[in-house]
Amino acid sequence: MAELFIPTLHTFAMNNIFTGSYGLLRFRIAPKVVMRTPKEVDFEQSAIFAEYWHGQLCYEKSQMEGEATFPMTEQGRADLIAWLTEKV
């Protein structure tokens, strides 16, 4: 199976939610962005919130099996990928 894809931190810094799948694993990742200035994201205070479930149904019709919050850093993104990969 191909590597699990998670977008770059820039995607989350722009307040974009990402949903994806990896086999039967489904997940939703939402940023919790804190702004340092009106135009600058405070990455140290921001976070990425992830939820996952297994099955064919969409997020709204599924029972979440777990959730976790990660710092909005490259290490946090790597930890998020590792955490989701364990759930397959």
N, C-alpha and C. Protein backbone atom coordinates (compact mmCIF):
# COMPACT_ATOMS: atom_id res chain seq x y z
N MET A 1 0.85 -1.18 0.00
CA MET A 1 0.00 0.00 0.00
C MET A 1 0.89 1.24 0.00
N ALA A 2 0.48 2.28 -0.68
CA ALA A 2 1.24 3.54 -0.75
C ALA A 2 1.31 4.20 0.62
N GLU A 3 2.23 5.14 0.77
CA GLU A 3 2.38 5.86 2.03
C GLU A 3 1.15 6.73 2.31
N LEU A 4 0.81 6.85 3.58
CA LEU A 4 -0.30 7.68 4.02
C LEU A 4 0.00 9.14 3.70
N PHE A 5 -0.92 9.83 3.03
CA PHE A 5 -0.73 11.23 2.66
C PHE A 5 -1.40 12.16 3.65
N ILE A 6 -0.64 13.11 4.15
CA ILE A 6 -1.16 14.20 4.97
C ILE A 6 -0.59 15.49 4.36
N PRO A 7 -1.43 16.51 4.15
CA PRO A 7 -0.93 17.75 3.53
C PRO A 7 0.14 18.45 4.37
N THR A 8 0.76 19.44 3.79
CA THR A 8 1.78 20.24 4.47
C THR A 8 1.15 21.08 5.58
N LEU A 9 1.99 21.60 6.45
CA LEU A 9 1.51 22.46 7.53
C LEU A 9 0.84 23.72 6.99
N HIS A 10 1.30 24.21 5.85
CA HIS A 10 0.70 25.40 5.24
C HIS A 10 -0.81 25.19 5.00
N THR A 11 -1.18 24.01 4.58
CA THR A 11 -2.60 23.70 4.36
C THR A 11 -3.40 23.90 5.64
N PHE A 12 -2.87 23.41 6.75
CA PHE A 12 -3.57 23.54 8.02
C PHE A 12 -3.50 24.97 8.56
N ALA A 13 -2.40 25.67 8.31
CA ALA A 13 -2.26 27.05 8.76
C ALA A 13 -3.29 27.96 8.11
N MET A 14 -3.80 27.55 6.95
CA MET A 14 -4.83 28.31 6.25
C MET A 14 -6.24 27.90 6.69
N ASN A 15 -6.32 27.16 7.80
CA ASN A 15 -7.58 26.72 8.40
C ASN A 15 -8.35 25.71 7.54
N ASN A 16 -7.64 24.93 6.76
CA ASN A 16 -8.29 23.91 5.93
C ASN A 16 -8.43 22.60 6.70
N ILE A 17 -9.60 22.00 6.60
CA ILE A 17 -9.85 20.67 7.15
C ILE A 17 -9.51 19.66 6.07
N PHE A 18 -8.91 18.55 6.46
CA PHE A 18 -8.55 17.50 5.51
C PHE A 18 -9.18 16.19 5.94
N THR A 19 -9.83 15.51 5.01
CA THR A 19 -10.33 14.16 5.26
C THR A 19 -9.63 13.23 4.29
N GLY A 20 -9.35 12.03 4.76
CA GLY A 20 -8.66 11.09 3.90
C GLY A 20 -8.93 9.66 4.33
N SER A 21 -8.31 8.75 3.60
CA SER A 21 -8.46 7.33 3.91
C SER A 21 -7.15 6.61 3.60
N TYR A 22 -7.03 5.44 4.22
CA TYR A 22 -5.87 4.58 4.03
C TYR A 22 -6.39 3.16 4.23
N GLY A 23 -6.70 2.48 3.15
CA GLY A 23 -7.41 1.20 3.27
C GLY A 23 -8.80 1.49 3.80
N LEU A 24 -9.22 0.78 4.85
CA LEU A 24 -10.52 1.04 5.46
C LEU A 24 -10.46 2.09 6.56
N LEU A 25 -9.27 2.58 6.86
CA LEU A 25 -9.12 3.65 7.85
C LEU A 25 -9.57 4.96 7.22
N ARG A 26 -10.42 5.68 7.92
CA ARG A 26 -10.86 7.01 7.49
C ARG A 26 -10.45 7.99 8.58
N PHE A 27 -10.14 9.22 8.19
CA PHE A 27 -9.73 10.20 9.19
C PHE A 27 -10.11 11.61 8.76
N ARG A 28 -10.23 12.46 9.76
CA ARG A 28 -10.52 13.88 9.57
C ARG A 28 -9.53 14.66 10.41
N ILE A 29 -8.88 15.64 9.80
CA ILE A 29 -7.88 16.44 10.49
C ILE A 29 -8.29 17.91 10.38
N ALA A 30 -8.41 18.56 11.55
CA ALA A 30 -8.83 19.95 11.59
C ALA A 30 -7.81 20.77 12.38
N PRO A 31 -7.44 21.94 11.85
CA PRO A 31 -6.47 22.77 12.56
C PRO A 31 -7.14 23.58 13.67
N LYS A 32 -6.35 23.89 14.67
CA LYS A 32 -6.74 24.85 15.71
C LYS A 32 -5.69 25.96 15.62
N VAL A 33 -5.97 26.93 14.77
CA VAL A 33 -4.99 27.97 14.45
C VAL A 33 -5.07 29.13 15.44
N VAL A 34 -3.91 29.54 15.94
CA VAL A 34 -3.77 30.72 16.78
C VAL A 34 -2.93 31.71 15.99
N MET A 35 -3.43 32.94 15.87
CA MET A 35 -2.72 33.95 15.09
C MET A 35 -1.80 34.77 16.00
N ARG A 36 -0.55 34.97 15.56
CA ARG A 36 0.40 35.82 16.28
C ARG A 36 0.10 37.28 15.98
N THR A 37 -0.18 37.56 14.71
CA THR A 37 -0.61 38.88 14.25
C THR A 37 -1.78 38.62 13.30
N PRO A 38 -2.46 39.65 12.84
CA PRO A 38 -3.57 39.41 11.91
C PRO A 38 -3.20 38.63 10.65
N LYS A 39 -1.89 38.61 10.30
CA LYS A 39 -1.48 37.92 9.08
C LYS A 39 -0.47 36.80 9.32
N GLU A 40 -0.12 36.52 10.57
CA GLU A 40 0.92 35.54 10.86
C GLU A 40 0.42 34.49 11.85
N VAL A 41 0.55 33.23 11.47
CA VAL A 41 0.15 32.11 12.33
C VAL A 41 1.20 31.89 13.41
N ASP A 42 0.74 31.67 14.64
CA ASP A 42 1.64 31.30 15.74
C ASP A 42 1.70 29.77 15.77
N PHE A 43 2.67 29.20 15.08
CA PHE A 43 2.77 27.74 14.98
C PHE A 43 3.02 27.09 16.34
N GLU A 44 3.69 27.78 17.25
CA GLU A 44 3.97 27.21 18.57
C GLU A 44 2.70 27.03 19.39
N GLN A 45 1.71 27.88 19.17
CA GLN A 45 0.45 27.80 19.92
C GLN A 45 -0.64 27.04 19.17
N SER A 46 -0.46 26.84 17.88
CA SER A 46 -1.47 26.17 17.05
C SER A 46 -1.33 24.65 17.17
N ALA A 47 -2.40 23.95 16.80
CA ALA A 47 -2.41 22.49 16.90
C ALA A 47 -3.21 21.89 15.74
N ILE A 48 -3.05 20.57 15.61
CA ILE A 48 -3.79 19.81 14.60
C ILE A 48 -4.58 18.73 15.35
N PHE A 49 -5.89 18.73 15.17
CA PHE A 49 -6.78 17.78 15.84
C PHE A 49 -7.20 16.71 14.84
N ALA A 50 -7.02 15.44 15.19
CA ALA A 50 -7.34 14.34 14.27
C ALA A 50 -8.31 13.36 14.92
N GLU A 51 -9.21 12.85 14.11
CA GLU A 51 -10.15 11.80 14.52
C GLU A 51 -10.08 10.70 13.47
N TYR A 52 -10.38 9.46 13.88
CA TYR A 52 -10.38 8.37 12.89
C TYR A 52 -11.51 7.38 13.17
N TRP A 53 -11.84 6.63 12.13
CA TRP A 53 -12.83 5.55 12.19
C TRP A 53 -12.52 4.58 11.06
N HIS A 54 -13.12 3.42 11.12
CA HIS A 54 -12.97 2.42 10.06
C HIS A 54 -14.32 2.20 9.39
N GLY A 55 -14.31 1.94 8.11
CA GLY A 55 -15.55 1.60 7.41
C GLY A 55 -15.74 2.39 6.14
N GLN A 56 -16.92 2.24 5.58
CA GLN A 56 -17.26 2.85 4.30
C GLN A 56 -18.04 4.15 4.43
N LEU A 57 -18.53 4.45 5.63
CA LEU A 57 -19.41 5.61 5.79
C LEU A 57 -18.62 6.91 5.97
N CYS A 58 -19.28 8.02 5.67
CA CYS A 58 -18.67 9.34 5.81
C CYS A 58 -18.55 9.73 7.28
N TYR A 59 -17.85 10.81 7.53
CA TYR A 59 -17.60 11.32 8.88
C TYR A 59 -18.90 11.50 9.67
N GLU A 60 -19.86 12.16 9.06
CA GLU A 60 -21.12 12.49 9.74
C GLU A 60 -21.92 11.25 10.14
N LYS A 61 -21.73 10.15 9.45
CA LYS A 61 -22.52 8.94 9.72
C LYS A 61 -21.71 7.85 10.43
N SER A 62 -20.53 8.22 10.92
CA SER A 62 -19.65 7.22 11.53
C SER A 62 -19.44 7.49 13.02
N GLN A 63 -19.10 6.42 13.72
CA GLN A 63 -18.73 6.50 15.13
C GLN A 63 -17.22 6.65 15.20
N MET A 64 -16.73 7.72 15.83
CA MET A 64 -15.29 7.93 15.94
C MET A 64 -14.70 6.90 16.89
N GLU A 65 -13.56 6.36 16.51
CA GLU A 65 -12.88 5.34 17.32
C GLU A 65 -11.75 5.93 18.15
N GLY A 66 -11.30 7.12 17.79
CA GLY A 66 -10.22 7.76 18.54
C GLY A 66 -9.95 9.15 18.05
N GLU A 67 -9.25 9.91 18.90
CA GLU A 67 -8.89 11.27 18.55
C GLU A 67 -7.59 11.63 19.26
N ALA A 68 -6.88 12.60 18.69
CA ALA A 68 -5.64 13.08 19.29
C ALA A 68 -5.33 14.47 18.75
N THR A 69 -4.57 15.22 19.53
CA THR A 69 -4.14 16.55 19.12
C THR A 69 -2.62 16.58 19.05
N PHE A 70 -2.10 17.18 17.99
CA PHE A 70 -0.67 17.25 17.75
C PHE A 70 -0.26 18.70 17.55
N PRO A 71 0.97 19.07 17.93
CA PRO A 71 1.43 20.44 17.66
C PRO A 71 1.53 20.69 16.16
N MET A 72 1.32 21.92 15.76
CA MET A 72 1.41 22.27 14.34
C MET A 72 2.88 22.54 14.00
N THR A 73 3.65 21.45 13.98
CA THR A 73 5.08 21.48 13.65
C THR A 73 5.35 20.31 12.72
N GLU A 74 6.52 20.28 12.12
CA GLU A 74 6.88 19.15 11.27
C GLU A 74 6.93 17.85 12.10
N GLN A 75 7.43 17.94 13.34
CA GLN A 75 7.46 16.76 14.20
C GLN A 75 6.04 16.34 14.56
N GLY A 76 5.17 17.30 14.82
CA GLY A 76 3.77 16.98 15.10
C GLY A 76 3.10 16.31 13.92
N ARG A 77 3.40 16.78 12.72
CA ARG A 77 2.85 16.17 11.50
C ARG A 77 3.36 14.74 11.35
N ALA A 78 4.66 14.53 11.60
CA ALA A 78 5.24 13.18 11.52
C ALA A 78 4.61 12.26 12.57
N ASP A 79 4.40 12.78 13.78
CA ASP A 79 3.76 12.00 14.84
C ASP A 79 2.32 11.65 14.47
N LEU A 80 1.62 12.58 13.84
CA LEU A 80 0.25 12.35 13.36
C LEU A 80 0.22 11.21 12.34
N ILE A 81 1.14 11.24 11.38
CA ILE A 81 1.21 10.18 10.36
C ILE A 81 1.49 8.83 11.03
N ALA A 82 2.42 8.79 11.96
CA ALA A 82 2.74 7.54 12.66
C ALA A 82 1.54 7.05 13.45
N TRP A 83 0.84 7.95 14.13
CA TRP A 83 -0.34 7.60 14.93
C TRP A 83 -1.43 7.00 14.04
N LEU A 84 -1.70 7.64 12.90
CA LEU A 84 -2.74 7.12 12.01
C LEU A 84 -2.32 5.78 11.41
N THR A 85 -1.06 5.64 11.04
CA THR A 85 -0.57 4.40 10.44
C THR A 85 -0.75 3.23 11.40
N GLU A 86 -0.58 3.46 12.69
CA GLU A 86 -0.81 2.41 13.70
C GLU A 86 -2.25 1.90 13.71
N LYS A 87 -3.17 2.75 13.29
CA LYS A 87 -4.61 2.44 13.39
C LYS A 87 -5.12 1.57 12.24
N VAL A 88 -4.30 1.37 11.23
CA VAL A 88 -4.70 0.56 10.08
C VAL A 88 -4.88 -0.86 10.57
